[in-house]
Amino acid sequence: MQWLTYREAARRVRRDVRTVQRWRAAGMPMRWRDGERVVDEEVLLAWWRDRLDAWPAHQYRLRRSQSATGSAASRTR
């Protein structure tokens, strides 16, 4: 289990520190360690994937790449 500060967490998911702070305000579990807020890396990545999956631009890119590669999912439609 690796604990990340706001800055380390933001760098890990390539987002702004304020984004990680918003995620905490929205319910992402964090703890205090040596006077700093920290988040478990696994929790951060799970939270980030959930947000990414719900992002319309990401969904569009996934569909576009699947149709370009001719994946089995796109052929069944």
PDB file of N, CA and C in Angstrom:
ATOM      1  N   MET A   1       0.853  -1.173   0.000  1.00  0.00           N
ATOM      2  CA  MET A   1       0.000   0.000   0.000  1.00  0.00           C
ATOM      3  C   MET A   1       0.898   1.236   0.000  1.00  0.00           C
ATOM      4  N   GLN A   2       0.733   2.067  -1.013  1.00  0.00           N
ATOM      5  CA  GLN A   2       1.524   3.291  -1.111  1.00  0.00           C
ATOM      6  C   GLN A   2       0.604   4.490  -0.909  1.00  0.00           C
ATOM      7  N   TRP A   3       0.998   5.374  -0.009  1.00  0.00           N
ATOM      8  CA  TRP A   3       0.214   6.569   0.291  1.00  0.00           C
ATOM      9  C   TRP A   3       0.780   7.749  -0.473  1.00  0.00           C
ATOM     10  N   LEU A   4      -0.096   8.528  -1.114  1.00  0.00           N
ATOM     11  CA  LEU A   4       0.312   9.671  -1.927  1.00  0.00           C
ATOM     12  C   LEU A   4      -0.294  10.955  -1.380  1.00  0.00           C
ATOM     13  N   THR A   5       0.491  12.038  -1.399  1.00  0.00           N
ATOM     14  CA  THR A   5      -0.027  13.353  -1.024  1.00  0.00           C
ATOM     15  C   THR A   5      -0.857  13.892  -2.188  1.00  0.00           C
ATOM     16  N   TYR A   6      -1.488  15.047  -1.976  1.00  0.00           N
ATOM     17  CA  TYR A   6      -2.254  15.659  -3.065  1.00  0.00           C
ATOM     18  C   TYR A   6      -1.388  15.828  -4.310  1.00  0.00           C
ATOM     19  N   ARG A   7      -0.214  16.396  -4.135  1.00  0.00           N
ATOM     20  CA  ARG A   7       0.662  16.664  -5.283  1.00  0.00           C
ATOM     21  C   ARG A   7       1.091  15.368  -5.963  1.00  0.00           C
ATOM     22  N   GLU A   8       1.488  14.371  -5.191  1.00  0.00           N
ATOM     23  CA  GLU A   8       1.903  13.089  -5.764  1.00  0.00           C
ATOM     24  C   GLU A   8       0.737  12.399  -6.469  1.00  0.00           C
ATOM     25  N   ALA A   9      -0.442  12.469  -5.871  1.00  0.00           N
ATOM     26  CA  ALA A   9      -1.631  11.856  -6.470  1.00  0.00           C
ATOM     27  C   ALA A   9      -1.979  12.536  -7.792  1.00  0.00           C
ATOM     28  N   ALA A  10      -1.922  13.854  -7.809  1.00  0.00           N
ATOM     29  CA  ALA A  10      -2.224  14.596  -9.038  1.00  0.00           C
ATOM     30  C   ALA A  10      -1.230  14.241 -10.137  1.00  0.00           C
ATOM     31  N   ARG A  11       0.027  14.137  -9.787  1.00  0.00           N
ATOM     32  CA  ARG A  11       1.050  13.773 -10.770  1.00  0.00           C
ATOM     33  C   ARG A  11       0.815  12.348 -11.276  1.00  0.00           C
ATOM     34  N   ARG A  12       0.393  11.447 -10.392  1.00  0.00           N
ATOM     35  CA  ARG A  12       0.192  10.042 -10.760  1.00  0.00           C
ATOM     36  C   ARG A  12      -0.911   9.873 -11.801  1.00  0.00           C
ATOM     37  N   VAL A  13      -1.985  10.660 -11.695  1.00  0.00           N
ATOM     38  CA  VAL A  13      -3.099  10.535 -12.643  1.00  0.00           C
ATOM     39  C   VAL A  13      -3.117  11.668 -13.668  1.00  0.00           C
ATOM     40  N   ARG A  14      -2.054  12.466 -13.690  1.00  0.00           N
ATOM     41  CA  ARG A  14      -1.900  13.570 -14.653  1.00  0.00           C
ATOM     42  C   ARG A  14      -3.075  14.543 -14.611  1.00  0.00           C
ATOM     43  N   ARG A  15      -3.409  14.938 -13.393  1.00  0.00           N
ATOM     44  CA  ARG A  15      -4.472  15.914 -13.176  1.00  0.00           C
ATOM     45  C   ARG A  15      -3.954  17.022 -12.277  1.00  0.00           C
ATOM     46  N   ASP A  16      -4.704  18.093 -12.168  1.00  0.00           N
ATOM     47  CA  ASP A  16      -4.352  19.199 -11.294  1.00  0.00           C
ATOM     48  C   ASP A  16      -4.629  18.817  -9.840  1.00  0.00           C
ATOM     49  N   VAL A  17      -3.892  19.421  -8.930  1.00  0.00           N
ATOM     50  CA  VAL A  17      -4.090  19.161  -7.502  1.00  0.00           C
ATOM     51  C   VAL A  17      -5.530  19.472  -7.108  1.00  0.00           C
ATOM     52  N   ARG A  18      -6.102  20.524  -7.681  1.00  0.00           N
ATOM     53  CA  ARG A  18      -7.489  20.888  -7.357  1.00  0.00           C
ATOM     54  C   ARG A  18      -8.475  19.792  -7.744  1.00  0.00           C
ATOM     55  N   THR A  19      -8.170  19.055  -8.788  1.00  0.00           N
ATOM     56  CA  THR A  19      -9.036  17.940  -9.179  1.00  0.00           C
ATOM     57  C   THR A  19      -9.049  16.875  -8.091  1.00  0.00           C
ATOM     58  N   VAL A  20      -7.888  16.539  -7.563  1.00  0.00           N
ATOM     59  CA  VAL A  20      -7.809  15.543  -6.488  1.00  0.00           C
ATOM     60  C   VAL A  20      -8.535  16.064  -5.252  1.00  0.00           C
ATOM     61  N   GLN A  21      -8.428  17.355  -4.985  1.00  0.00           N
ATOM     62  CA  GLN A  21      -9.146  17.947  -3.855  1.00  0.00           C
ATOM     63  C   GLN A  21     -10.657  17.864  -4.060  1.00  0.00           C
ATOM     64  N   ARG A  22     -11.115  18.076  -5.295  1.00  0.00           N
ATOM     65  CA  ARG A  22     -12.552  17.940  -5.594  1.00  0.00           C
ATOM     66  C   ARG A  22     -13.011  16.502  -5.400  1.00  0.00           C
ATOM     67  N   TRP A  23     -12.183  15.546  -5.816  1.00  0.00           N
ATOM     68  CA  TRP A  23     -12.533  14.144  -5.628  1.00  0.00           C
ATOM     69  C   TRP A  23     -12.672  13.824  -4.147  1.00  0.00           C
ATOM     70  N   ARG A  24     -11.787  14.374  -3.312  1.00  0.00           N
ATOM     71  CA  ARG A  24     -11.893  14.152  -1.871  1.00  0.00           C
ATOM     72  C   ARG A  24     -13.195  14.734  -1.352  1.00  0.00           C
ATOM     73  N   ALA A  25     -13.540  15.946  -1.797  1.00  0.00           N
ATOM     74  CA  ALA A  25     -14.788  16.581  -1.375  1.00  0.00           C
ATOM     75  C   ALA A  25     -16.001  15.775  -1.844  1.00  0.00           C
ATOM     76  N   ALA A  26     -15.848  15.055  -2.960  1.00  0.00           N
ATOM     77  CA  ALA A  26     -16.944  14.239  -3.493  1.00  0.00           C
ATOM     78  C   ALA A  26     -17.024  12.864  -2.834  1.00  0.00           C
ATOM     79  N   GLY A  27     -16.063  12.549  -1.954  1.00  0.00           N
ATOM     80  CA  GLY A  27     -16.167  11.295  -1.220  1.00  0.00           C
ATOM     81  C   GLY A  27     -14.998  10.337  -1.320  1.00  0.00           C
ATOM     82  N   MET A  28     -13.955  10.681  -2.070  1.00  0.00           N
ATOM     83  CA  MET A  28     -12.808   9.780  -2.151  1.00  0.00           C
ATOM     84  C   MET A  28     -12.149   9.680  -0.776  1.00  0.00           C
ATOM     85  N   PRO A  29     -11.982   8.465  -0.247  1.00  0.00           N
ATOM     86  CA  PRO A  29     -11.422   8.322   1.103  1.00  0.00           C
ATOM     87  C   PRO A  29      -9.946   8.703   1.156  1.00  0.00           C
ATOM     88  N   MET A  30      -9.628   9.553   2.113  1.00  0.00           N
ATOM     89  CA  MET A  30      -8.245   9.972   2.356  1.00  0.00           C
ATOM     90  C   MET A  30      -7.991   9.935   3.854  1.00  0.00           C
ATOM     91  N   ARG A  31      -6.722   9.969   4.228  1.00  0.00           N
ATOM     92  CA  ARG A  31      -6.337   9.953   5.640  1.00  0.00           C
ATOM     93  C   ARG A  31      -5.332  11.062   5.901  1.00  0.00           C
ATOM     94  N   TRP A  32      -5.046  11.251   7.172  1.00  0.00           N
ATOM     95  CA  TRP A  32      -4.010  12.188   7.590  1.00  0.00           C
ATOM     96  C   TRP A  32      -2.746  11.400   7.911  1.00  0.00           C
ATOM     97  N   ARG A  33      -1.597  11.889   7.452  1.00  0.00           N
ATOM     98  CA  ARG A  33      -0.299  11.300   7.797  1.00  0.00           C
ATOM     99  C   ARG A  33       0.706  12.436   7.946  1.00  0.00           C
ATOM    100  N   ASP A  34       1.256  12.574   9.125  1.00  0.00           N
ATOM    101  CA  ASP A  34       2.252  13.618   9.402  1.00  0.00           C
ATOM    102  C   ASP A  34       1.753  15.004   9.003  1.00  0.00           C
ATOM    103  N   GLY A  35       0.493  15.282   9.281  1.00  0.00           N
ATOM    104  CA  GLY A  35      -0.068  16.597   8.996  1.00  0.00           C
ATOM    105  C   GLY A  35      -0.463  16.834   7.547  1.00  0.00           C
ATOM    106  N   GLU A  36      -0.424  15.805   6.714  1.00  0.00           N
ATOM    107  CA  GLU A  36      -0.802  15.941   5.305  1.00  0.00           C
ATOM    108  C   GLU A  36      -1.919  14.956   4.983  1.00  0.00           C
ATOM    109  N   ARG A  37      -2.783  15.356   4.072  1.00  0.00           N
ATOM    110  CA  ARG A  37      -3.791  14.433   3.562  1.00  0.00           C
ATOM    111  C   ARG A  37      -3.101  13.489   2.601  1.00  0.00           C
ATOM    112  N   VAL A  38      -3.416  12.205   2.723  1.00  0.00           N
ATOM    113  CA  VAL A  38      -2.850  11.205   1.818  1.00  0.00           C
ATOM    114  C   VAL A  38      -3.954  10.260   1.357  1.00  0.00           C
ATOM    115  N   VAL A  39      -3.730   9.676   0.189  1.00  0.00           N
ATOM    116  CA  VAL A  39      -4.682   8.723  -0.380  1.00  0.00           C
ATOM    117  C   VAL A  39      -3.912   7.467  -0.781  1.00  0.00           C
ATOM    118  N   ASP A  40      -4.528   6.330  -0.591  1.00  0.00           N
ATOM    119  CA  ASP A  40      -3.944   5.067  -1.032  1.00  0.00           C
ATOM    120  C   ASP A  40      -3.931   5.065  -2.564  1.00  0.00           C
ATOM    121  N   GLU A  41      -2.822   4.651  -3.152  1.00  0.00           N
ATOM    122  CA  GLU A  41      -2.688   4.681  -4.606  1.00  0.00           C
ATOM    123  C   GLU A  41      -3.763   3.837  -5.293  1.00  0.00           C
ATOM    124  N   GLU A  42      -4.097   2.688  -4.737  1.00  0.00           N
ATOM    125  CA  GLU A  42      -5.122   1.830  -5.342  1.00  0.00           C
ATOM    126  C   GLU A  42      -6.488   2.515  -5.344  1.00  0.00           C
ATOM    127  N   VAL A  43      -6.806   3.201  -4.256  1.00  0.00           N
ATOM    128  CA  VAL A  43      -8.075   3.937  -4.168  1.00  0.00           C
ATOM    129  C   VAL A  43      -8.083   5.061  -5.198  1.00  0.00           C
ATOM    130  N   LEU A  44      -6.973   5.787  -5.295  1.00  0.00           N
ATOM    131  CA  LEU A  44      -6.861   6.882  -6.264  1.00  0.00           C
ATOM    132  C   LEU A  44      -7.079   6.377  -7.683  1.00  0.00           C
ATOM    133  N   LEU A  45      -6.414   5.293  -8.044  1.00  0.00           N
ATOM    134  CA  LEU A  45      -6.535   4.776  -9.408  1.00  0.00           C
ATOM    135  C   LEU A  45      -7.940   4.262  -9.703  1.00  0.00           C
ATOM    136  N   ALA A  46      -8.571   3.628  -8.728  1.00  0.00           N
ATOM    137  CA  ALA A  46      -9.953   3.167  -8.920  1.00  0.00           C
ATOM    138  C   ALA A  46     -10.880   4.356  -9.114  1.00  0.00           C
ATOM    139  N   TRP A  47     -10.692   5.401  -8.316  1.00  0.00           N
ATOM    140  CA  TRP A  47     -11.507   6.613  -8.427  1.00  0.00           C
ATOM    141  C   TRP A  47     -11.298   7.261  -9.794  1.00  0.00           C
ATOM    142  N   TRP A  48     -10.045   7.333 -10.231  1.00  0.00           N
ATOM    143  CA  TRP A  48      -9.700   7.938 -11.520  1.00  0.00           C
ATOM    144  C   TRP A  48     -10.324   7.147 -12.672  1.00  0.00           C
ATOM    145  N   ARG A  49     -10.251   5.809 -12.620  1.00  0.00           N
ATOM    146  CA  ARG A  49     -10.849   4.983 -13.683  1.00  0.00           C
ATOM    147  C   ARG A  49     -12.362   5.178 -13.761  1.00  0.00           C
ATOM    148  N   ASP A  50     -13.005   5.270 -12.601  1.00  0.00           N
ATOM    149  CA  ASP A  50     -14.452   5.510 -12.595  1.00  0.00           C
ATOM    150  C   ASP A  50     -14.784   6.834 -13.260  1.00  0.00           C
ATOM    151  N   ARG A  51     -14.010   7.851 -12.962  1.00  0.00           N
ATOM    152  CA  ARG A  51     -14.254   9.163 -13.564  1.00  0.00           C
ATOM    153  C   ARG A  51     -13.958   9.136 -15.056  1.00  0.00           C
ATOM    154  N   LEU A  52     -12.910   8.444 -15.442  1.00  0.00           N
ATOM    155  CA  LEU A  52     -12.534   8.355 -16.845  1.00  0.00           C
ATOM    156  C   LEU A  52     -13.602   7.615 -17.640  1.00  0.00           C
ATOM    157  N   ASP A  53     -14.132   6.532 -17.074  1.00  0.00           N
ATOM    158  CA  ASP A  53     -15.175   5.764 -17.761  1.00  0.00           C
ATOM    159  C   ASP A  53     -16.445   6.578 -17.969  1.00  0.00           C
ATOM    160  N   ALA A  54     -16.708   7.527 -17.086  1.00  0.00           N
ATOM    161  CA  ALA A  54     -17.918   8.344 -17.184  1.00  0.00           C
ATOM    162  C   ALA A  54     -17.716   9.578 -18.055  1.00  0.00           C
ATOM    163  N   TRP A  55     -16.507   9.828 -18.516  1.00  0.00           N
ATOM    164  CA  TRP A  55     -16.195  11.031 -19.285  1.00  0.00           C
ATOM    165  C   TRP A  55     -16.596  10.818 -20.748  1.00  0.00           C
ATOM    166  N   PRO A  56     -17.502  11.616 -21.307  1.00  0.00           N
ATOM    167  CA  PRO A  56     -17.990  11.394 -22.677  1.00  0.00           C
ATOM    168  C   PRO A  56     -16.890  11.395 -23.740  1.00  0.00           C
ATOM    169  N   ALA A  57     -15.908  12.257 -23.614  1.00  0.00           N
ATOM    170  CA  ALA A  57     -14.837  12.302 -24.617  1.00  0.00           C
ATOM    171  C   ALA A  57     -14.041  10.999 -24.617  1.00  0.00           C
ATOM    172  N   HIS A  58     -13.834  10.427 -23.456  1.00  0.00           N
ATOM    173  CA  HIS A  58     -13.108   9.160 -23.369  1.00  0.00           C
ATOM    174  C   HIS A  58     -13.922   8.041 -24.013  1.00  0.00           C
ATOM    175  N   GLN A  59     -15.223   8.022 -23.765  1.00  0.00           N
ATOM    176  CA  GLN A  59     -16.088   7.014 -24.368  1.00  0.00           C
ATOM    177  C   GLN A  59     -16.059   7.116 -25.897  1.00  0.00           C
ATOM    178  N   TYR A  60     -16.077   8.338 -26.410  1.00  0.00           N
ATOM    179  CA  TYR A  60     -16.015   8.548 -27.854  1.00  0.00           C
ATOM    180  C   TYR A  60     -14.706   7.993 -28.417  1.00  0.00           C
ATOM    181  N   ARG A  61     -13.588   8.295 -27.743  1.00  0.00           N
ATOM    182  CA  ARG A  61     -12.286   7.812 -28.208  1.00  0.00           C
ATOM    183  C   ARG A  61     -12.219   6.286 -28.187  1.00  0.00           C
ATOM    184  N   LEU A  62     -12.790   5.669 -27.158  1.00  0.00           N
ATOM    185  CA  LEU A  62     -12.806   4.204 -27.103  1.00  0.00           C
ATOM    186  C   LEU A  62     -13.592   3.615 -28.265  1.00  0.00           C
ATOM    187  N   ARG A  63     -14.789   4.165 -28.517  1.00  0.00           N
ATOM    188  CA  ARG A  63     -15.606   3.654 -29.626  1.00  0.00           C
ATOM    189  C   ARG A  63     -14.900   3.852 -30.961  1.00  0.00           C
ATOM    190  N   ARG A  64     -14.275   5.010 -31.137  1.00  0.00           N
ATOM    191  CA  ARG A  64     -13.578   5.300 -32.383  1.00  0.00           C
ATOM    192  C   ARG A  64     -12.405   4.344 -32.588  1.00  0.00           C
ATOM    193  N   SER A  65     -11.639   4.078 -31.528  1.00  0.00           N
ATOM    194  CA  SER A  65     -10.490   3.178 -31.677  1.00  0.00           C
ATOM    195  C   SER A  65     -10.943   1.738 -31.915  1.00  0.00           C
ATOM    196  N   GLN A  66     -12.062   1.330 -31.305  1.00  0.00           N
ATOM    197  CA  GLN A  66     -12.570  -0.022 -31.525  1.00  0.00           C
ATOM    198  C   GLN A  66     -13.059  -0.195 -32.956  1.00  0.00           C
ATOM    199  N   SER A  67     -13.702   0.812 -33.496  1.00  0.00           N
ATOM    200  CA  SER A  67     -14.185   0.683 -34.873  1.00  0.00           C
ATOM    201  C   SER A  67     -13.027   0.722 -35.862  1.00  0.00           C
ATOM    202  N   ALA A  68     -11.964   1.439 -35.533  1.00  0.00           N
ATOM    203  CA  ALA A  68     -10.803   1.509 -36.416  1.00  0.00           C
ATOM    204  C   ALA A  68     -10.038   0.190 -36.435  1.00  0.00           C
ATOM    205  N   THR A  69     -10.025  -0.512 -35.312  1.00  0.00           N
ATOM    206  CA  THR A  69      -9.301  -1.785 -35.244  1.00  0.00           C
ATOM    207  C   THR A  69     -10.169  -2.959 -35.651  1.00  0.00           C
ATOM    208  N   GLY A  70     -11.482  -2.732 -35.772  1.00  0.00           N
ATOM    209  CA  GLY A  70     -12.385  -3.810 -36.162  1.00  0.00           C
ATOM    210  C   GLY A  70     -12.547  -4.853 -35.081  1.00  0.00           C
ATOM    211  N   SER A  71     -12.696  -4.403 -33.857  1.00  0.00           N
ATOM    212  CA  SER A  71     -12.822  -5.341 -32.734  1.00  0.00           C
ATOM    213  C   SER A  71     -14.103  -6.154 -32.864  1.00  0.00           C
ATOM    214  N   ALA A  72     -14.147  -7.266 -32.167  1.00  0.00           N
ATOM    215  CA  ALA A  72     -15.299  -8.171 -32.225  1.00  0.00           C
ATOM    216  C   ALA A  72     -16.562  -7.486 -31.734  1.00  0.00           C
ATOM    217  N   ALA A  73     -16.443  -6.618 -30.749  1.00  0.00           N
ATOM    218  CA  ALA A  73     -17.623  -5.936 -30.208  1.00  0.00           C
ATOM    219  C   ALA A  73     -18.264  -5.039 -31.256  1.00  0.00           C
ATOM    220  N   SER A  74     -17.445  -4.391 -32.068  1.00  0.00           N
ATOM    221  CA  SER A  74     -18.029  -3.496 -33.064  1.00  0.00           C
ATOM    222  C   SER A  74     -18.591  -4.274 -34.253  1.00  0.00           C
ATOM    223  N   ARG A  75     -18.117  -5.501 -34.495  1.00  0.00           N
ATOM    224  CA  ARG A  75     -18.621  -6.294 -35.615  1.00  0.00           C
ATOM    225  C   ARG A  75     -19.976  -6.913 -35.335  1.00  0.00           C
ATOM    226  N   THR A  76     -20.337  -7.078 -34.069  1.00  0.00           N
ATOM    227  CA  THR A  76     -21.597  -7.731 -33.742  1.00  0.00           C
ATOM    228  C   THR A  76     -22.784  -6.795 -33.884  1.00  0.00           C
ATOM    229  N   ARG A  77     -22.545  -5.531 -34.073  1.00  0.00           N
ATOM    230  CA  ARG A  77     -23.646  -4.559 -34.167  1.00  0.00           C
ATOM    231  C   ARG A  77     -24.220  -4.475 -35.535  1.00  0.00           C
TER     232      ARG A  77
END
